[in-house]
């Protein structure tokens, strides 16, 4: 379940990143922040993907299920 949550959140991040990358890639340390975000998603200590999935993705999918 943990990996399913990670891959769903990561896929949503990659989908939005293709559009936002063109707009904000000129910010200083953009790529470092992006890498830190992915590490935060992956880390078993922070459980970032779990947090984002349960707070945003799951409620959205539950509303659309009907």
PDB file of N, CA and C in Angstrom:
ATOM      1  N   UNK A   1       0.834  -1.188   0.000  1.00  0.00           N
ATOM      2  CA  UNK A   1       0.000   0.000   0.000  1.00  0.00           C
ATOM      3  C   UNK A   1       0.881   1.255   0.000  1.00  0.00           C
ATOM      4  N   UNK A   2       1.978   1.183   0.751  1.00  0.00           N
ATOM      5  CA  UNK A   2       2.874   2.347   0.816  1.00  0.00           C
ATOM      6  C   UNK A   2       3.413   2.719  -0.561  1.00  0.00           C
ATOM      7  N   UNK A   3       3.811   1.703  -1.329  1.00  0.00           N
ATOM      8  CA  UNK A   3       4.363   1.974  -2.656  1.00  0.00           C
ATOM      9  C   UNK A   3       3.293   2.432  -3.632  1.00  0.00           C
ATOM     10  N   UNK A   4       2.076   1.929  -3.471  1.00  0.00           N
ATOM     11  CA  UNK A   4       0.979   2.383  -4.326  1.00  0.00           C
ATOM     12  C   UNK A   4       0.738   3.872  -4.112  1.00  0.00           C
ATOM     13  N   UNK A   5       0.720   4.296  -2.839  1.00  0.00           N
ATOM     14  CA  UNK A   5       0.526   5.712  -2.525  1.00  0.00           C
ATOM     15  C   UNK A   5       1.658   6.548  -3.111  1.00  0.00           C
ATOM     16  N   UNK A   6       2.879   6.049  -2.966  1.00  0.00           N
ATOM     17  CA  UNK A   6       4.024   6.784  -3.506  1.00  0.00           C
ATOM     18  C   UNK A   6       3.911   6.954  -5.010  1.00  0.00           C
ATOM     19  N   UNK A   7       3.626   5.877  -5.726  1.00  0.00           N
ATOM     20  CA  UNK A   7       3.607   5.968  -7.185  1.00  0.00           C
ATOM     21  C   UNK A   7       2.459   6.814  -7.701  1.00  0.00           C
ATOM     22  N   UNK A   8       1.333   6.812  -7.019  1.00  0.00           N
ATOM     23  CA  UNK A   8       0.218   7.675  -7.428  1.00  0.00           C
ATOM     24  C   UNK A   8       0.583   9.138  -7.229  1.00  0.00           C
ATOM     25  N   UNK A   9       1.136   9.472  -6.067  1.00  0.00           N
ATOM     26  CA  UNK A   9       1.529  10.858  -5.800  1.00  0.00           C
ATOM     27  C   UNK A   9       2.660  11.280  -6.735  1.00  0.00           C
ATOM     28  N   UNK A  10       3.617  10.392  -6.958  1.00  0.00           N
ATOM     29  CA  UNK A  10       4.730  10.708  -7.852  1.00  0.00           C
ATOM     30  C   UNK A  10       4.246  10.912  -9.285  1.00  0.00           C
ATOM     31  N   UNK A  11       3.306  10.116  -9.739  1.00  0.00           N
ATOM     32  CA  UNK A  11       2.766  10.273 -11.094  1.00  0.00           C
ATOM     33  C   UNK A  11       2.039  11.612 -11.232  1.00  0.00           C
ATOM     34  N   UNK A  12       1.278  11.996 -10.215  1.00  0.00           N
ATOM     35  CA  UNK A  12       0.618  13.302 -10.251  1.00  0.00           C
ATOM     36  C   UNK A  12       1.640  14.439 -10.237  1.00  0.00           C
ATOM     37  N   UNK A  13       2.695  14.267  -9.458  1.00  0.00           N
ATOM     38  CA  UNK A  13       3.760  15.264  -9.428  1.00  0.00           C
ATOM     39  C   UNK A  13       4.430  15.381 -10.793  1.00  0.00           C
ATOM     40  N   UNK A  14       4.731  14.272 -11.428  1.00  0.00           N
ATOM     41  CA  UNK A  14       5.384  14.306 -12.735  1.00  0.00           C
ATOM     42  C   UNK A  14       4.471  14.905 -13.807  1.00  0.00           C
ATOM     43  N   UNK A  15       3.169  14.633 -13.700  1.00  0.00           N
ATOM     44  CA  UNK A  15       2.230  15.195 -14.673  1.00  0.00           C
ATOM     45  C   UNK A  15       2.148  16.714 -14.545  1.00  0.00           C
ATOM     46  N   UNK A  16       2.106  17.212 -13.333  1.00  0.00           N
ATOM     47  CA  UNK A  16       2.056  18.663 -13.154  1.00  0.00           C
ATOM     48  C   UNK A  16       3.421  19.306 -13.394  1.00  0.00           C
ATOM     49  N   UNK A  17       4.470  18.560 -13.146  1.00  0.00           N
ATOM     50  CA  UNK A  17       5.807  19.095 -13.307  1.00  0.00           C
ATOM     51  C   UNK A  17       6.145  19.367 -14.771  1.00  0.00           C
ATOM     52  N   UNK A  18       5.571  18.635 -15.681  1.00  0.00           N
ATOM     53  CA  UNK A  18       5.859  18.883 -17.096  1.00  0.00           C
ATOM     54  C   UNK A  18       5.385  20.271 -17.525  1.00  0.00           C
ATOM     55  N   UNK A  19       4.301  20.750 -16.930  1.00  0.00           N
ATOM     56  CA  UNK A  19       3.803  22.083 -17.274  1.00  0.00           C
ATOM     57  C   UNK A  19       4.492  23.167 -16.446  1.00  0.00           C
ATOM     58  N   UNK A  20       4.646  22.922 -15.171  1.00  0.00           N
ATOM     59  CA  UNK A  20       5.231  23.946 -14.307  1.00  0.00           C
ATOM     60  C   UNK A  20       6.738  24.071 -14.495  1.00  0.00           C
ATOM     61  N   UNK A  21       7.369  23.048 -15.012  1.00  0.00           N
ATOM     62  CA  UNK A  21       8.815  23.084 -15.230  1.00  0.00           C
ATOM     63  C   UNK A  21       9.183  24.201 -16.199  1.00  0.00           C
ATOM     64  N   UNK A  22       8.356  24.435 -17.179  1.00  0.00           N
ATOM     65  CA  UNK A  22       8.629  25.491 -18.148  1.00  0.00           C
ATOM     66  C   UNK A  22       8.515  26.880 -17.527  1.00  0.00           C
ATOM     67  N   UNK A  23       7.637  27.007 -16.536  1.00  0.00           N
ATOM     68  CA  UNK A  23       7.379  28.322 -15.954  1.00  0.00           C
ATOM     69  C   UNK A  23       8.319  28.687 -14.816  1.00  0.00           C
ATOM     70  N   UNK A  24       8.679  27.717 -13.981  1.00  0.00           N
ATOM     71  CA  UNK A  24       9.444  28.060 -12.784  1.00  0.00           C
ATOM     72  C   UNK A  24      10.832  27.441 -12.723  1.00  0.00           C
ATOM     73  N   UNK A  25      11.304  26.899 -13.809  1.00  0.00           N
ATOM     74  CA  UNK A  25      12.631  26.267 -13.768  1.00  0.00           C
ATOM     75  C   UNK A  25      13.758  27.289 -13.654  1.00  0.00           C
ATOM     76  N   UNK A  26      13.479  28.543 -13.860  1.00  0.00           N
ATOM     77  CA  UNK A  26      14.519  29.568 -13.774  1.00  0.00           C
ATOM     78  C   UNK A  26      14.757  30.045 -12.340  1.00  0.00           C
ATOM     79  N   UNK A  27      13.919  29.613 -11.383  1.00  0.00           N
ATOM     80  CA  UNK A  27      14.135  29.981  -9.983  1.00  0.00           C
ATOM     81  C   UNK A  27      15.443  29.374  -9.481  1.00  0.00           C
ATOM     82  N   UNK A  28      16.154  30.120  -8.637  1.00  0.00           N
ATOM     83  CA  UNK A  28      17.379  29.545  -8.069  1.00  0.00           C
ATOM     84  C   UNK A  28      17.067  28.329  -7.195  1.00  0.00           C
ATOM     85  N   UNK A  29      17.879  27.334  -7.287  1.00  0.00           N
ATOM     86  CA  UNK A  29      17.765  26.084  -6.522  1.00  0.00           C
ATOM     87  C   UNK A  29      16.477  25.316  -6.826  1.00  0.00           C
ATOM     88  N   UNK A  30      15.901  25.517  -7.995  1.00  0.00           N
ATOM     89  CA  UNK A  30      14.665  24.822  -8.354  1.00  0.00           C
ATOM     90  C   UNK A  30      14.887  23.309  -8.394  1.00  0.00           C
ATOM     91  N   UNK A  31      15.941  22.886  -9.035  1.00  0.00           N
ATOM     92  CA  UNK A  31      16.179  21.449  -9.173  1.00  0.00           C
ATOM     93  C   UNK A  31      16.555  20.803  -7.841  1.00  0.00           C
ATOM     94  N   UNK A  32      17.221  21.541  -6.982  1.00  0.00           N
ATOM     95  CA  UNK A  32      17.539  21.023  -5.656  1.00  0.00           C
ATOM     96  C   UNK A  32      16.283  20.857  -4.813  1.00  0.00           C
ATOM     97  N   UNK A  33      15.385  21.822  -4.907  1.00  0.00           N
ATOM     98  CA  UNK A  33      14.110  21.742  -4.170  1.00  0.00           C
ATOM     99  C   UNK A  33      13.267  20.589  -4.705  1.00  0.00           C
ATOM    100  N   UNK A  34      13.276  20.415  -6.014  1.00  0.00           N
ATOM    101  CA  UNK A  34      12.528  19.306  -6.619  1.00  0.00           C
ATOM    102  C   UNK A  34      13.083  17.960  -6.167  1.00  0.00           C
ATOM    103  N   UNK A  35      14.393  17.850  -6.101  1.00  0.00           N
ATOM    104  CA  UNK A  35      15.007  16.605  -5.642  1.00  0.00           C
ATOM    105  C   UNK A  35      14.709  16.367  -4.160  1.00  0.00           C
ATOM    106  N   UNK A  36      14.740  17.423  -3.360  1.00  0.00           N
ATOM    107  CA  UNK A  36      14.421  17.292  -1.935  1.00  0.00           C
ATOM    108  C   UNK A  36      12.967  16.879  -1.745  1.00  0.00           C
ATOM    109  N   UNK A  37      12.072  17.366  -2.600  1.00  0.00           N
ATOM    110  CA  UNK A  37      10.658  16.985  -2.526  1.00  0.00           C
ATOM    111  C   UNK A  37      10.479  15.498  -2.816  1.00  0.00           C
ATOM    112  N   UNK A  38      11.163  14.994  -3.818  1.00  0.00           N
ATOM    113  CA  UNK A  38      11.065  13.566  -4.152  1.00  0.00           C
ATOM    114  C   UNK A  38      11.645  12.716  -3.028  1.00  0.00           C
ATOM    115  N   UNK A  39      12.735  13.147  -2.434  1.00  0.00           N
ATOM    116  CA  UNK A  39      13.300  12.417  -1.298  1.00  0.00           C
ATOM    117  C   UNK A  39      12.335  12.453  -0.117  1.00  0.00           C
ATOM    118  N   UNK A  40      11.680  13.602   0.093  1.00  0.00           N
ATOM    119  CA  UNK A  40      10.678  13.710   1.158  1.00  0.00           C
ATOM    120  C   UNK A  40       9.514  12.747   0.898  1.00  0.00           C
ATOM    121  N   UNK A  41       9.103  12.612  -0.368  1.00  0.00           N
ATOM    122  CA  UNK A  41       8.036  11.661  -0.703  1.00  0.00           C
ATOM    123  C   UNK A  41       8.460  10.227  -0.388  1.00  0.00           C
ATOM    124  N   UNK A  42       9.696   9.896  -0.683  1.00  0.00           N
ATOM    125  CA  UNK A  42      10.192   8.526  -0.538  1.00  0.00           C
ATOM    126  C   UNK A  42      10.542   8.129   0.888  1.00  0.00           C
ATOM    127  N   UNK A  43      10.932   9.083   1.699  1.00  0.00           N
ATOM    128  CA  UNK A  43      11.488   8.780   3.005  1.00  0.00           C
ATOM    129  C   UNK A  43      10.487   8.065   3.920  1.00  0.00           C
ATOM    130  N   UNK A  44      10.910   6.953   4.520  1.00  0.00           N
ATOM    131  CA  UNK A  44      10.018   6.261   5.459  1.00  0.00           C
ATOM    132  C   UNK A  44       9.841   7.026   6.768  1.00  0.00           C
ATOM    133  N   UNK A  45      10.717   7.983   7.038  1.00  0.00           N
ATOM    134  CA  UNK A  45      10.614   8.768   8.275  1.00  0.00           C
ATOM    135  C   UNK A  45       9.593   9.890   8.148  1.00  0.00           C
ATOM    136  N   UNK A  46       9.550  10.553   6.995  1.00  0.00           N
ATOM    137  CA  UNK A  46       8.610  11.658   6.815  1.00  0.00           C
ATOM    138  C   UNK A  46       7.264  11.197   6.270  1.00  0.00           C
ATOM    139  N   UNK A  47       7.273  10.106   5.510  1.00  0.00           N
ATOM    140  CA  UNK A  47       6.055   9.573   4.887  1.00  0.00           C
ATOM    141  C   UNK A  47       5.287  10.652   4.134  1.00  0.00           C
ATOM    142  N   UNK A  48       6.005  11.373   3.293  1.00  0.00           N
ATOM    143  CA  UNK A  48       5.415  12.467   2.532  1.00  0.00           C
ATOM    144  C   UNK A  48       4.346  12.006   1.558  1.00  0.00           C
ATOM    145  N   UNK A  49       4.595  10.913   0.856  1.00  0.00           N
ATOM    146  CA  UNK A  49       3.613  10.416  -0.097  1.00  0.00           C
ATOM    147  C   UNK A  49       2.347   9.971   0.624  1.00  0.00           C
ATOM    148  N   UNK A  50       2.508   9.344   1.766  1.00  0.00           N
ATOM    149  CA  UNK A  50       1.360   8.906   2.559  1.00  0.00           C
ATOM    150  C   UNK A  50       0.530  10.111   2.990  1.00  0.00           C
ATOM    151  N   UNK A  51       1.198  11.158   3.454  1.00  0.00           N
ATOM    152  CA  UNK A  51       0.512  12.363   3.893  1.00  0.00           C
ATOM    153  C   UNK A  51      -0.255  13.022   2.754  1.00  0.00           C
ATOM    154  N   UNK A  52       0.401  13.204   1.613  1.00  0.00           N
ATOM    155  CA  UNK A  52      -0.267  13.848   0.477  1.00  0.00           C
ATOM    156  C   UNK A  52      -1.399  12.996  -0.067  1.00  0.00           C
ATOM    157  N   UNK A  53      -1.197  11.682  -0.106  1.00  0.00           N
ATOM    158  CA  UNK A  53      -2.245  10.805  -0.625  1.00  0.00           C
ATOM    159  C   UNK A  53      -3.484  10.867   0.264  1.00  0.00           C
ATOM    160  N   UNK A  54      -3.294  10.732   1.563  1.00  0.00           N
ATOM    161  CA  UNK A  54      -4.432  10.707   2.484  1.00  0.00           C
ATOM    162  C   UNK A  54      -5.106  12.069   2.627  1.00  0.00           C
ATOM    163  N   UNK A  55      -4.359  13.143   2.444  1.00  0.00           N
ATOM    164  CA  UNK A  55      -4.927  14.469   2.634  1.00  0.00           C
ATOM    165  C   UNK A  55      -5.592  15.018   1.369  1.00  0.00           C
ATOM    166  N   UNK A  56      -5.058  14.692   0.184  1.00  0.00           N
ATOM    167  CA  UNK A  56      -5.565  15.290  -1.044  1.00  0.00           C
ATOM    168  C   UNK A  56      -6.117  14.284  -2.051  1.00  0.00           C
ATOM    169  N   UNK A  57      -5.351  13.250  -2.351  1.00  0.00           N
ATOM    170  CA  UNK A  57      -5.719  12.334  -3.437  1.00  0.00           C
ATOM    171  C   UNK A  57      -6.911  11.465  -3.052  1.00  0.00           C
ATOM    172  N   UNK A  58      -6.851  10.835  -1.892  1.00  0.00           N
ATOM    173  CA  UNK A  58      -7.929   9.928  -1.492  1.00  0.00           C
ATOM    174  C   UNK A  58      -9.281  10.636  -1.349  1.00  0.00           C
ATOM    175  N   UNK A  59      -9.355  11.808  -0.701  1.00  0.00           N
ATOM    176  CA  UNK A  59     -10.661  12.488  -0.639  1.00  0.00           C
ATOM    177  C   UNK A  59     -11.187  12.870  -2.028  1.00  0.00           C
ATOM    178  N   UNK A  60     -10.309  13.277  -2.930  1.00  0.00           N
ATOM    179  CA  UNK A  60     -10.742  13.621  -4.288  1.00  0.00           C
ATOM    180  C   UNK A  60     -11.269  12.387  -5.002  1.00  0.00           C
ATOM    181  N   UNK A  61     -10.559  11.274  -4.897  1.00  0.00           N
ATOM    182  CA  UNK A  61     -11.015  10.046  -5.551  1.00  0.00           C
ATOM    183  C   UNK A  61     -12.315   9.532  -4.927  1.00  0.00           C
ATOM    184  N   UNK A  62     -12.459   9.679  -3.637  1.00  0.00           N
ATOM    185  CA  UNK A  62     -13.684   9.228  -2.963  1.00  0.00           C
ATOM    186  C   UNK A  62     -14.893  10.030  -3.412  1.00  0.00           C
ATOM    187  N   UNK A  63     -14.716  11.350  -3.588  1.00  0.00           N
ATOM    188  CA  UNK A  63     -15.833  12.178  -4.071  1.00  0.00           C
ATOM    189  C   UNK A  63     -16.215  11.823  -5.497  1.00  0.00           C
ATOM    190  N   UNK A  64     -15.247  11.511  -6.327  1.00  0.00           N
ATOM    191  CA  UNK A  64     -15.506  11.197  -7.738  1.00  0.00           C
ATOM    192  C   UNK A  64     -15.994   9.770  -7.951  1.00  0.00           C
ATOM    193  N   UNK A  65     -15.913   8.923  -6.932  1.00  0.00           N
ATOM    194  CA  UNK A  65     -16.268   7.504  -7.076  1.00  0.00           C
ATOM    195  C   UNK A  65     -17.742   7.322  -7.419  1.00  0.00           C
ATOM    196  N   UNK A  66     -18.593   8.150  -6.868  1.00  0.00           N
ATOM    197  CA  UNK A  66     -20.028   8.008  -7.115  1.00  0.00           C
ATOM    198  C   UNK A  66     -20.343   8.372  -8.534  1.00  0.00           C
TER     199      UNK A  66
END
